[in-house]
PDB file of N, CA and C in Angstrom:
ATOM      1  N   MET A   1      18.077  -2.895  13.475  1.00  0.00           N
ATOM      2  CA  MET A   1      17.217  -2.118  12.624  1.00  0.00           C
ATOM      3  C   MET A   1      15.776  -2.299  13.105  1.00  0.00           C
ATOM      4  N   LYS A   2      15.068  -1.214  13.208  1.00  0.00           N
ATOM      5  CA  LYS A   2      13.698  -1.234  13.682  1.00  0.00           C
ATOM      6  C   LYS A   2      12.729  -1.459  12.524  1.00  0.00           C
ATOM      7  N   TYR A   3      11.768  -2.362  12.737  1.00  0.00           N
ATOM      8  CA  TYR A   3      10.736  -2.588  11.724  1.00  0.00           C
ATOM      9  C   TYR A   3       9.807  -1.385  11.625  1.00  0.00           C
ATOM     10  N   GLN A   4       9.270  -1.186  10.421  1.00  0.00           N
ATOM     11  CA  GLN A   4       8.329  -0.106  10.151  1.00  0.00           C
ATOM     12  C   GLN A   4       7.037  -0.697   9.589  1.00  0.00           C
ATOM     13  N   ARG A   5       5.951   0.063   9.708  1.00  0.00           N
ATOM     14  CA  ARG A   5       4.708  -0.240   9.006  1.00  0.00           C
ATOM     15  C   ARG A   5       4.573   0.779   7.895  1.00  0.00           C
ATOM     16  N   VAL A   6       4.010   0.364   6.775  1.00  0.00           N
ATOM     17  CA  VAL A   6       3.742   1.268   5.663  1.00  0.00           C
ATOM     18  C   VAL A   6       2.244   1.561   5.650  1.00  0.00           C
ATOM     19  N   ILE A   7       1.912   2.833   5.538  1.00  0.00           N
ATOM     20  CA  ILE A   7       0.525   3.263   5.399  1.00  0.00           C
ATOM     21  C   ILE A   7       0.375   3.869   4.016  1.00  0.00           C
ATOM     22  N   HIS A   8      -0.435   3.220   3.186  1.00  0.00           N
ATOM     23  CA  HIS A   8      -0.679   3.721   1.832  1.00  0.00           C
ATOM     24  C   HIS A   8      -1.687   4.856   1.872  1.00  0.00           C
ATOM     25  N   HIS A   9      -1.430   5.908   1.107  1.00  0.00           N
ATOM     26  CA  HIS A   9      -2.359   7.021   0.929  1.00  0.00           C
ATOM     27  C   HIS A   9      -3.151   6.748  -0.340  1.00  0.00           C
ATOM     28  N   LEU A  10      -4.454   6.615  -0.203  1.00  0.00           N
ATOM     29  CA  LEU A  10      -5.307   6.290  -1.342  1.00  0.00           C
ATOM     30  C   LEU A  10      -5.819   7.550  -2.011  1.00  0.00           C
ATOM     31  N   GLU A  11      -6.144   7.445  -3.295  1.00  0.00           N
ATOM     32  CA  GLU A  11      -6.569   8.608  -4.068  1.00  0.00           C
ATOM     33  C   GLU A  11      -7.850   9.238  -3.532  1.00  0.00           C
ATOM     34  N   ASP A  12      -8.649   8.483  -2.795  1.00  0.00           N
ATOM     35  CA  ASP A  12      -9.895   9.025  -2.252  1.00  0.00           C
ATOM     36  C   ASP A  12      -9.712   9.650  -0.868  1.00  0.00           C
ATOM     37  N   GLY A  13      -8.459   9.772  -0.426  1.00  0.00           N
ATOM     38  CA  GLY A  13      -8.162  10.429   0.842  1.00  0.00           C
ATOM     39  C   GLY A  13      -8.010   9.486   2.029  1.00  0.00           C
ATOM     40  N   ARG A  14      -8.417   8.247   1.872  1.00  0.00           N
ATOM     41  CA  ARG A  14      -8.263   7.291   2.972  1.00  0.00           C
ATOM     42  C   ARG A  14      -6.819   6.804   3.061  1.00  0.00           C
ATOM     43  N   ARG A  15      -6.507   6.164   4.177  1.00  0.00           N
ATOM     44  CA  ARG A  15      -5.187   5.565   4.376  1.00  0.00           C
ATOM     45  C   ARG A  15      -5.386   4.106   4.753  1.00  0.00           C
ATOM     46  N   LYS A  16      -4.469   3.246   4.289  1.00  0.00           N
ATOM     47  CA  LYS A  16      -4.575   1.812   4.537  1.00  0.00           C
ATOM     48  C   LYS A  16      -3.219   1.218   4.885  1.00  0.00           C
ATOM     49  N   TYR A  17      -3.208   0.420   5.963  1.00  0.00           N
ATOM     50  CA  TYR A  17      -1.985  -0.301   6.304  1.00  0.00           C
ATOM     51  C   TYR A  17      -1.653  -1.308   5.214  1.00  0.00           C
ATOM     52  N   SER A  18      -0.381  -1.487   4.934  1.00  0.00           N
ATOM     53  CA  SER A  18       0.067  -2.517   4.016  1.00  0.00           C
ATOM     54  C   SER A  18      -0.047  -3.867   4.730  1.00  0.00           C
ATOM     55  N   THR A  19      -0.827  -4.779   4.137  1.00  0.00           N
ATOM     56  CA  THR A  19      -1.054  -6.090   4.750  1.00  0.00           C
ATOM     57  C   THR A  19      -0.767  -7.201   3.746  1.00  0.00           C
ATOM     58  N   HIS A  20      -0.582  -8.385   4.287  1.00  0.00           N
ATOM     59  CA  HIS A  20      -0.439  -9.580   3.453  1.00  0.00           C
ATOM     60  C   HIS A  20      -1.101 -10.728   4.200  1.00  0.00           C
ATOM     61  N   ASN A  21      -2.070 -11.367   3.552  1.00  0.00           N
ATOM     62  CA  ASN A  21      -2.826 -12.469   4.175  1.00  0.00           C
ATOM     63  C   ASN A  21      -3.408 -12.074   5.528  1.00  0.00           C
ATOM     64  N   GLY A  22      -3.911 -10.862   5.623  1.00  0.00           N
ATOM     65  CA  GLY A  22      -4.583 -10.411   6.835  1.00  0.00           C
ATOM     66  C   GLY A  22      -3.681  -9.931   7.955  1.00  0.00           C
ATOM     67  N   GLU A  23      -2.390  -9.883   7.726  1.00  0.00           N
ATOM     68  CA  GLU A  23      -1.433  -9.426   8.740  1.00  0.00           C
ATOM     69  C   GLU A  23      -0.749  -8.148   8.261  1.00  0.00           C
ATOM     70  N   ILE A  24      -0.537  -7.213   9.184  1.00  0.00           N
ATOM     71  CA  ILE A  24       0.210  -6.004   8.837  1.00  0.00           C
ATOM     72  C   ILE A  24       1.662  -6.388   8.602  1.00  0.00           C
ATOM     73  N   GLU A  25       2.192  -5.931   7.477  1.00  0.00           N
ATOM     74  CA  GLU A  25       3.567  -6.280   7.123  1.00  0.00           C
ATOM     75  C   GLU A  25       4.582  -5.502   7.944  1.00  0.00           C
ATOM     76  N   LYS A  26       5.703  -6.142   8.227  1.00  0.00           N
ATOM     77  CA  LYS A  26       6.852  -5.495   8.867  1.00  0.00           C
ATOM     78  C   LYS A  26       7.864  -5.199   7.764  1.00  0.00           C
ATOM     79  N   TRP A  27       8.258  -3.946   7.652  1.00  0.00           N
ATOM     80  CA  TRP A  27       9.146  -3.519   6.583  1.00  0.00           C
ATOM     81  C   TRP A  27      10.509  -3.112   7.139  1.00  0.00           C
ATOM     82  N   HIS A  28      11.579  -3.540   6.448  1.00  0.00           N
ATOM     83  CA  HIS A  28      12.935  -3.049   6.701  1.00  0.00           C
ATOM     84  C   HIS A  28      13.142  -1.790   5.870  1.00  0.00           C
ATOM     85  N   GLU A  29      14.115  -0.981   6.229  1.00  0.00           N
ATOM     86  CA  GLU A  29      14.390   0.254   5.490  1.00  0.00           C
ATOM     87  C   GLU A  29      14.718  -0.025   4.020  1.00  0.00           C
ATOM     88  N   TYR A  30      15.453  -1.095   3.725  1.00  0.00           N
ATOM     89  CA  TYR A  30      15.783  -1.390   2.326  1.00  0.00           C
ATOM     90  C   TYR A  30      14.529  -1.753   1.532  1.00  0.00           C
ATOM     91  N   GLU A  31      13.514  -2.357   2.164  1.00  0.00           N
ATOM     92  CA  GLU A  31      12.258  -2.656   1.475  1.00  0.00           C
ATOM     93  C   GLU A  31      11.468  -1.375   1.201  1.00  0.00           C
ATOM     94  N   ILE A  32      11.525  -0.437   2.135  1.00  0.00           N
ATOM     95  CA  ILE A  32      10.855   0.846   1.957  1.00  0.00           C
ATOM     96  C   ILE A  32      11.518   1.624   0.821  1.00  0.00           C
ATOM     97  N   GLU A  33      12.830   1.560   0.747  1.00  0.00           N
ATOM     98  CA  GLU A  33      13.539   2.216  -0.360  1.00  0.00           C
ATOM     99  C   GLU A  33      13.164   1.579  -1.692  1.00  0.00           C
ATOM    100  N   SER A  34      12.994   0.273  -1.716  1.00  0.00           N
ATOM    101  CA  SER A  34      12.561  -0.415  -2.932  1.00  0.00           C
ATOM    102  C   SER A  34      11.154   0.040  -3.336  1.00  0.00           C
ATOM    103  N   LEU A  35      10.281   0.238  -2.358  1.00  0.00           N
ATOM    104  CA  LEU A  35       8.941   0.752  -2.638  1.00  0.00           C
ATOM    105  C   LEU A  35       9.019   2.142  -3.267  1.00  0.00           C
ATOM    106  N   ARG A  36       9.906   2.977  -2.751  1.00  0.00           N
ATOM    107  CA  ARG A  36      10.098   4.319  -3.338  1.00  0.00           C
ATOM    108  C   ARG A  36      10.563   4.229  -4.789  1.00  0.00           C
ATOM    109  N   ARG A  37      11.533   3.355  -5.050  1.00  0.00           N
ATOM    110  CA  ARG A  37      12.040   3.184  -6.418  1.00  0.00           C
ATOM    111  C   ARG A  37      10.959   2.657  -7.350  1.00  0.00           C
ATOM    112  N   ASN A  38      10.157   1.708  -6.879  1.00  0.00           N
ATOM    113  CA  ASN A  38       9.060   1.179  -7.701  1.00  0.00           C
ATOM    114  C   ASN A  38       8.089   2.287  -8.079  1.00  0.00           C
ATOM    115  N   ARG A  39       7.773   3.180  -7.143  1.00  0.00           N
ATOM    116  CA  ARG A  39       6.868   4.297  -7.444  1.00  0.00           C
ATOM    117  C   ARG A  39       7.477   5.208  -8.502  1.00  0.00           C
ATOM    118  N   GLU A  40       8.782   5.475  -8.397  1.00  0.00           N
ATOM    119  CA  GLU A  40       9.455   6.328  -9.377  1.00  0.00           C
ATOM    120  C   GLU A  40       9.468   5.686 -10.766  1.00  0.00           C
ATOM    121  N   GLN A  41       9.717   4.380 -10.821  1.00  0.00           N
ATOM    122  CA  GLN A  41       9.845   3.690 -12.101  1.00  0.00           C
ATOM    123  C   GLN A  41       8.506   3.329 -12.739  1.00  0.00           C
ATOM    124  N   HIS A  42       7.522   2.948 -11.918  1.00  0.00           N
ATOM    125  CA  HIS A  42       6.277   2.391 -12.444  1.00  0.00           C
ATOM    126  C   HIS A  42       5.048   3.245 -12.171  1.00  0.00           C
ATOM    127  N   GLY A  43       5.192   4.313 -11.413  1.00  0.00           N
ATOM    128  CA  GLY A  43       4.038   5.136 -11.075  1.00  0.00           C
ATOM    129  C   GLY A  43       3.258   4.551  -9.911  1.00  0.00           C
ATOM    130  N   ASP A  44       1.966   4.896  -9.883  1.00  0.00           N
ATOM    131  CA  ASP A  44       1.126   4.503  -8.754  1.00  0.00           C
ATOM    132  C   ASP A  44       0.842   3.007  -8.735  1.00  0.00           C
ATOM    133  N   SER A  45       0.775   2.466  -7.528  1.00  0.00           N
ATOM    134  CA  SER A  45       0.264   1.115  -7.331  1.00  0.00           C
ATOM    135  C   SER A  45      -1.238   1.247  -7.096  1.00  0.00           C
ATOM    136  N   ALA A  46      -1.930   0.113  -6.883  1.00  0.00           N
ATOM    137  CA  ALA A  46      -3.383   0.196  -6.731  1.00  0.00           C
ATOM    138  C   ALA A  46      -3.938  -1.044  -6.033  1.00  0.00           C
ATOM    139  N   TYR A  47      -5.135  -0.862  -5.478  1.00  0.00           N
ATOM    140  CA  TYR A  47      -5.949  -1.933  -4.909  1.00  0.00           C
ATOM    141  C   TYR A  47      -7.256  -2.002  -5.686  1.00  0.00           C
ATOM    142  N   THR A  48      -7.897  -3.174  -5.663  1.00  0.00           N
ATOM    143  CA  THR A  48      -9.296  -3.206  -6.057  1.00  0.00           C
ATOM    144  C   THR A  48     -10.073  -2.588  -4.902  1.00  0.00           C
ATOM    145  N   ALA A  49     -11.267  -2.086  -5.180  1.00  0.00           N
ATOM    146  CA  ALA A  49     -12.037  -1.352  -4.166  1.00  0.00           C
ATOM    147  C   ALA A  49     -12.344  -2.191  -2.932  1.00  0.00           C
ATOM    148  N   ASP A  50     -12.417  -3.516  -3.080  1.00  0.00           N
ATOM    149  CA  ASP A  50     -12.675  -4.377  -1.917  1.00  0.00           C
ATOM    150  C   ASP A  50     -11.381  -4.779  -1.192  1.00  0.00           C
ATOM    151  N   PHE A  51     -10.239  -4.258  -1.658  1.00  0.00           N
ATOM    152  CA  PHE A  51      -8.906  -4.509  -1.102  1.00  0.00           C
ATOM    153  C   PHE A  51      -8.478  -5.975  -1.194  1.00  0.00           C
ATOM    154  N   ALA A  52      -9.132  -6.750  -2.056  1.00  0.00           N
ATOM    155  CA  ALA A  52      -8.774  -8.159  -2.211  1.00  0.00           C
ATOM    156  C   ALA A  52      -7.526  -8.346  -3.063  1.00  0.00           C
ATOM    157  N   LYS A  53      -7.273  -7.403  -3.992  1.00  0.00           N
ATOM    158  CA  LYS A  53      -6.125  -7.523  -4.895  1.00  0.00           C
ATOM    159  C   LYS A  53      -5.312  -6.239  -4.868  1.00  0.00           C
ATOM    160  N   TYR A  54      -3.999  -6.402  -5.090  1.00  0.00           N
ATOM    161  CA  TYR A  54      -3.054  -5.278  -5.100  1.00  0.00           C
ATOM    162  C   TYR A  54      -2.040  -5.531  -6.194  1.00  0.00           C
ATOM    163  N   ASP A  55      -1.568  -4.459  -6.806  1.00  0.00           N
ATOM    164  CA  ASP A  55      -0.474  -4.582  -7.778  1.00  0.00           C
ATOM    165  C   ASP A  55       0.384  -3.333  -7.672  1.00  0.00           C
ATOM    166  N   VAL A  56       1.691  -3.488  -7.833  1.00  0.00           N
ATOM    167  CA  VAL A  56       2.590  -2.335  -7.773  1.00  0.00           C
ATOM    168  C   VAL A  56       2.446  -1.430  -8.981  1.00  0.00           C
ATOM    169  N   VAL A  57       1.751  -1.899 -10.022  1.00  0.00           N
ATOM    170  CA  VAL A  57       1.486  -1.091 -11.208  1.00  0.00           C
ATOM    171  C   VAL A  57      -0.038  -1.040 -11.409  1.00  0.00           C
ATOM    172  N   ALA A  58      -0.619   0.149 -11.226  1.00  0.00           N
ATOM    173  CA  ALA A  58      -2.074   0.296 -11.307  1.00  0.00           C
ATOM    174  C   ALA A  58      -2.617  -0.191 -12.647  1.00  0.00           C
ATOM    175  N   ALA A  59      -1.917   0.094 -13.731  1.00  0.00           N
ATOM    176  CA  ALA A  59      -2.391  -0.319 -15.061  1.00  0.00           C
ATOM    177  C   ALA A  59      -2.481  -1.840 -15.180  1.00  0.00           C
ATOM    178  N   ASN A  60      -1.564  -2.560 -14.551  1.00  0.00           N
ATOM    179  CA  ASN A  60      -1.613  -4.018 -14.589  1.00  0.00           C
ATOM    180  C   ASN A  60      -2.848  -4.548 -13.872  1.00  0.00           C
ATOM    181  N   LEU A  61      -3.180  -3.934 -12.750  1.00  0.00           N
ATOM    182  CA  LEU A  61      -4.364  -4.353 -12.004  1.00  0.00           C
ATOM    183  C   LEU A  61      -5.621  -4.098 -12.832  1.00  0.00           C
ATOM    184  N   ARG A  62      -5.667  -2.970 -13.503  1.00  0.00           N
ATOM    185  CA  ARG A  62      -6.816  -2.637 -14.351  1.00  0.00           C
ATOM    186  C   ARG A  62      -6.957  -3.646 -15.501  1.00  0.00           C
ATOM    187  N   LYS A  63      -5.833  -4.101 -16.063  1.00  0.00           N
ATOM    188  CA  LYS A  63      -5.877  -5.098 -17.137  1.00  0.00           C
ATOM    189  C   LYS A  63      -6.387  -6.444 -16.621  1.00  0.00           C
ATOM    190  N   ARG A  64      -5.933  -6.831 -15.429  1.00  0.00           N
ATOM    191  CA  ARG A  64      -6.328  -8.119 -14.856  1.00  0.00           C
ATOM    192  C   ARG A  64      -7.791  -8.142 -14.430  1.00  0.00           C
ATOM    193  N   TYR A  65      -8.294  -7.001 -13.974  1.00  0.00           N
ATOM    194  CA  TYR A  65      -9.669  -6.909 -13.465  1.00  0.00           C
ATOM    195  C   TYR A  65     -10.370  -5.721 -14.121  1.00  0.00           C
ATOM    196  N   PRO A  66     -10.696  -5.826 -15.399  1.00  0.00           N
ATOM    197  CA  PRO A  66     -11.225  -4.676 -16.139  1.00  0.00           C
ATOM    198  C   PRO A  66     -12.568  -4.159 -15.633  1.00  0.00           C
ATOM    199  N   ASN A  67     -13.345  -4.986 -14.963  1.00  0.00           N
ATOM    200  CA  ASN A  67     -14.655  -4.553 -14.469  1.00  0.00           C
ATOM    201  C   ASN A  67     -14.633  -4.101 -13.011  1.00  0.00           C
ATOM    202  N   ALA A  68     -13.500  -4.216 -12.365  1.00  0.00           N
ATOM    203  CA  ALA A  68     -13.402  -3.843 -10.947  1.00  0.00           C
ATOM    204  C   ALA A  68     -13.128  -2.347 -10.788  1.00  0.00           C
ATOM    205  N   LYS A  69     -13.623  -1.801  -9.700  1.00  0.00           N
ATOM    206  CA  LYS A  69     -13.264  -0.428  -9.355  1.00  0.00           C
ATOM    207  C   LYS A  69     -11.841  -0.479  -8.789  1.00  0.00           C
ATOM    208  N   ILE A  70     -10.991   0.392  -9.281  1.00  0.00           N
ATOM    209  CA  ILE A  70      -9.585   0.422  -8.895  1.00  0.00           C
ATOM    210  C   ILE A  70      -9.319   1.708  -8.103  1.00  0.00           C
ATOM    211  N   ILE A  71      -8.611   1.550  -6.989  1.00  0.00           N
ATOM    212  CA  ILE A  71      -8.234   2.701  -6.163  1.00  0.00           C
ATOM    213  C   ILE A  71      -6.712   2.814  -6.182  1.00  0.00           C
ATOM    214  N   ARG A  72      -6.209   3.915  -6.723  1.00  0.00           N
ATOM    215  CA  ARG A  72      -4.763   4.123  -6.816  1.00  0.00           C
ATOM    216  C   ARG A  72      -4.176   4.509  -5.457  1.00  0.00           C
ATOM    217  N   VAL A  73      -2.936   4.085  -5.246  1.00  0.00           N
ATOM    218  CA  VAL A  73      -2.146   4.503  -4.092  1.00  0.00           C
ATOM    219  C   VAL A  73      -1.306   5.691  -4.564  1.00  0.00           C
ATOM    220  N   VAL A  74      -1.517   6.850  -3.960  1.00  0.00           N
ATOM    221  CA  VAL A  74      -0.860   8.071  -4.442  1.00  0.00           C
ATOM    222  C   VAL A  74       0.322   8.499  -3.562  1.00  0.00           C
ATOM    223  N   GLY A  75       0.607   7.739  -2.538  1.00  0.00           N
ATOM    224  CA  GLY A  75       1.732   8.045  -1.665  1.00  0.00           C
ATOM    225  C   GLY A  75       1.742   7.084  -0.488  1.00  0.00           C
ATOM    226  N   PHE A  76       2.718   7.258   0.380  1.00  0.00           N
ATOM    227  CA  PHE A  76       2.764   6.421   1.581  1.00  0.00           C
ATOM    228  C   PHE A  76       3.564   7.123   2.666  1.00  0.00           C
ATOM    229  N   GLU A  77       3.377   6.638   3.872  1.00  0.00           N
ATOM    230  CA  GLU A  77       4.155   7.087   5.023  1.00  0.00           C
ATOM    231  C   GLU A  77       4.536   5.842   5.812  1.00  0.00           C
ATOM    232  N   THR A  78       5.439   6.008   6.744  1.00  0.00           N
ATOM    233  CA  THR A  78       5.841   4.884   7.592  1.00  0.00           C
ATOM    234  C   THR A  78       5.688   5.276   9.054  1.00  0.00           C
ATOM    235  N   GLU A  79       5.604   4.252   9.893  1.00  0.00           N
ATOM    236  CA  GLU A  79       5.586   4.452  11.341  1.00  0.00           C
ATOM    237  C   GLU A  79       6.254   3.249  11.989  1.00  0.00           C
ATOM    238  N   ASP A  80       6.727   3.411  13.204  1.00  0.00           N
ATOM    239  CA  ASP A  80       7.341   2.299  13.920  1.00  0.00           C
ATOM    240  C   ASP A  80       6.339   1.163  14.080  1.00  0.00           C
ATOM    241  N   HIS A  81       6.794  -0.058  13.844  1.00  0.00           N
ATOM    242  CA  HIS A  81       5.903  -1.212  13.884  1.00  0.00           C
ATOM    243  C   HIS A  81       5.376  -1.486  15.289  1.00  0.00           C
ATOM    244  N   ASP A  82       6.074  -1.054  16.312  1.00  0.00           N
ATOM    245  CA  ASP A  82       5.640  -1.359  17.679  1.00  0.00           C
ATOM    246  C   ASP A  82       4.688  -0.315  18.272  1.00  0.00           C
ATOM    247  N   LEU A  83       4.330   0.723  17.501  1.00  0.00           N
ATOM    248  CA  LEU A  83       3.360   1.708  17.972  1.00  0.00           C
ATOM    249  C   LEU A  83       1.946   1.130  17.904  1.00  0.00           C
ATOM    250  N   PRO A  84       1.022   1.645  18.725  1.00  0.00           N
ATOM    251  CA  PRO A  84      -0.373   1.212  18.599  1.00  0.00           C
ATOM    252  C   PRO A  84      -0.917   1.542  17.214  1.00  0.00           C
ATOM    253  N   LEU A  85      -1.852   0.720  16.748  1.00  0.00           N
ATOM    254  CA  LEU A  85      -2.472   0.966  15.444  1.00  0.00           C
ATOM    255  C   LEU A  85      -3.315   2.231  15.513  1.00  0.00           C
ATOM    256  N   GLN A  86      -3.356   2.959  14.405  1.00  0.00           N
ATOM    257  CA  GLN A  86      -4.172   4.161  14.328  1.00  0.00           C
ATOM    258  C   GLN A  86      -5.592   3.750  13.929  1.00  0.00           C
ATOM    259  N   PRO A  87      -6.597   4.144  14.704  1.00  0.00           N
ATOM    260  CA  PRO A  87      -7.966   3.700  14.412  1.00  0.00           C
ATOM    261  C   PRO A  87      -8.548   4.257  13.116  1.00  0.00           C
ATOM    262  N   ASP A  88      -7.985   5.343  12.592  1.00  0.00           N
ATOM    263  CA  ASP A  88      -8.519   5.921  11.352  1.00  0.00           C
ATOM    264  C   ASP A  88      -7.857   5.350  10.101  1.00  0.00           C
ATOM    265  N   VAL A  89      -6.963   4.388  10.253  1.00  0.00           N
ATOM    266  CA  VAL A  89      -6.294   3.760   9.114  1.00  0.00           C
ATOM    267  C   VAL A  89      -6.935   2.391   8.877  1.00  0.00           C
ATOM    268  N   ILE A  90      -7.279   2.122   7.620  1.00  0.00           N
ATOM    269  CA  ILE A  90      -7.906   0.853   7.247  1.00  0.00           C
ATOM    270  C   ILE A  90      -6.928  -0.281   7.477  1.00  0.00           C
ATOM    271  N   PHE A  91      -7.397  -1.343   8.091  1.00  0.00           N
ATOM    272  CA  PHE A  91      -6.569  -2.524   8.315  1.00  0.00           C
ATOM    273  C   PHE A  91      -6.761  -3.409   7.135  1.00  0.00           C
TER     274      PHE A  91
END
C-alpha cells in the first residue's frame, strides 16, 4: 500500500499539508477513509490561525480557545507521499 499525504483545504482558500510535530504525516487509505467519516459525522475540522492547534471538530477548538482566530478545514485532497512538495501548500 502506498502512503499518501493529506492536503487540507482551508476556508480562506489556502491549502495546508497535514503535519504532526513539524513532520508531514504519512496516511494509509484506511486512515483517509476515517478522515472522510469524521467529516461526515462531525462536520468541519479546524486550525487556530497560527496553526499551533488542530481539532477534528471546529466547535471544540472554538470552545478551547475562545479568543483565537479559527480557520475551518472545508475539504481535503491526497497525493502520493513520495512526490515533491508543492511550493504553494503551507507546510
